[in-house]
């Protein structure tokens, strides 16, 4: 899927913007007890 992006600060804004080329994305959230939760793959709209 590519290189991970780690966010360490609050105030991250996720917005609906057009992206060039084919893209796919997943998100990993870490719960209070250190467990990782992954979202399903979000496929490209192309």
C-alpha atoms as a PDB file:
ATOM      1  CA  UNK A   1       0.000   0.000   0.000  1.00  0.00           C
ATOM      2  CA  UNK A   2       2.970   2.364   0.238  1.00  0.00           C
ATOM      3  CA  UNK A   3       4.676   4.154   3.083  1.00  0.00           C
ATOM      4  CA  UNK A   4       2.696   4.659   6.308  1.00  0.00           C
ATOM      5  CA  UNK A   5       1.941   8.125   7.651  1.00  0.00           C
ATOM      6  CA  UNK A   6       2.014   8.512  11.432  1.00  0.00           C
ATOM      7  CA  UNK A   7       0.183  11.443  13.017  1.00  0.00           C
ATOM      8  CA  UNK A   8       1.441  12.521  16.426  1.00  0.00           C
ATOM      9  CA  UNK A   9      -0.487  15.768  16.865  1.00  0.00           C
ATOM     10  CA  UNK A  10      -4.130  16.565  17.391  1.00  0.00           C
ATOM     11  CA  UNK A  11      -5.994  18.626  14.878  1.00  0.00           C
ATOM     12  CA  UNK A  12      -5.543  16.389  11.816  1.00  0.00           C
ATOM     13  CA  UNK A  13      -8.028  17.365   9.115  1.00  0.00           C
ATOM     14  CA  UNK A  14      -9.181  14.789   6.594  1.00  0.00           C
ATOM     15  CA  UNK A  15     -11.032  16.274   3.652  1.00  0.00           C
ATOM     16  CA  UNK A  16     -12.594  15.110   0.419  1.00  0.00           C
ATOM     17  CA  UNK A  17     -10.224  16.344  -2.287  1.00  0.00           C
ATOM     18  CA  UNK A  18      -9.484  14.989  -5.768  1.00  0.00           C
ATOM     19  CA  UNK A  19      -6.243  13.000  -6.101  1.00  0.00           C
ATOM     20  CA  UNK A  20      -4.255  12.516  -9.294  1.00  0.00           C
ATOM     21  CA  UNK A  21      -3.683   8.944 -10.445  1.00  0.00           C
ATOM     22  CA  UNK A  22      -4.947   5.675  -8.996  1.00  0.00           C
ATOM     23  CA  UNK A  23      -5.026   5.580  -5.201  1.00  0.00           C
ATOM     24  CA  UNK A  24      -5.958   3.192  -2.410  1.00  0.00           C
ATOM     25  CA  UNK A  25      -5.897   3.823   1.307  1.00  0.00           C
ATOM     26  CA  UNK A  26      -6.289   2.097   4.670  1.00  0.00           C
ATOM     27  CA  UNK A  27      -6.186   3.576   8.149  1.00  0.00           C
ATOM     28  CA  UNK A  28      -4.862   1.964  11.304  1.00  0.00           C
ATOM     29  CA  UNK A  29      -6.156   3.188  14.624  1.00  0.00           C
ATOM     30  CA  UNK A  30      -4.571   2.232  17.936  1.00  0.00           C
ATOM     31  CA  UNK A  31      -6.983   1.738  20.824  1.00  0.00           C
ATOM     32  CA  UNK A  32      -6.480   2.691  24.444  1.00  0.00           C
ATOM     33  CA  UNK A  33      -4.910  -0.684  25.227  1.00  0.00           C
ATOM     34  CA  UNK A  34      -2.512  -0.724  22.263  1.00  0.00           C
ATOM     35  CA  UNK A  35      -4.629  -2.902  19.978  1.00  0.00           C
ATOM     36  CA  UNK A  36      -4.505  -2.030  16.272  1.00  0.00           C
ATOM     37  CA  UNK A  37      -7.703  -1.714  14.249  1.00  0.00           C
ATOM     38  CA  UNK A  38      -7.542  -1.454  10.437  1.00  0.00           C
ATOM     39  CA  UNK A  39     -10.182  -0.004   8.141  1.00  0.00           C
ATOM     40  CA  UNK A  40     -11.067  -1.881   4.947  1.00  0.00           C
ATOM     41  CA  UNK A  41      -9.154  -0.816   1.825  1.00  0.00           C
ATOM     42  CA  UNK A  42     -10.718   2.226   0.221  1.00  0.00           C
ATOM     43  CA  UNK A  43     -10.302   1.631  -3.529  1.00  0.00           C
ATOM     44  CA  UNK A  44      -9.650   4.267  -6.149  1.00  0.00           C
ATOM     45  CA  UNK A  45     -12.726   5.827  -7.714  1.00  0.00           C
ATOM     46  CA  UNK A  46     -11.264   5.081 -11.177  1.00  0.00           C
END
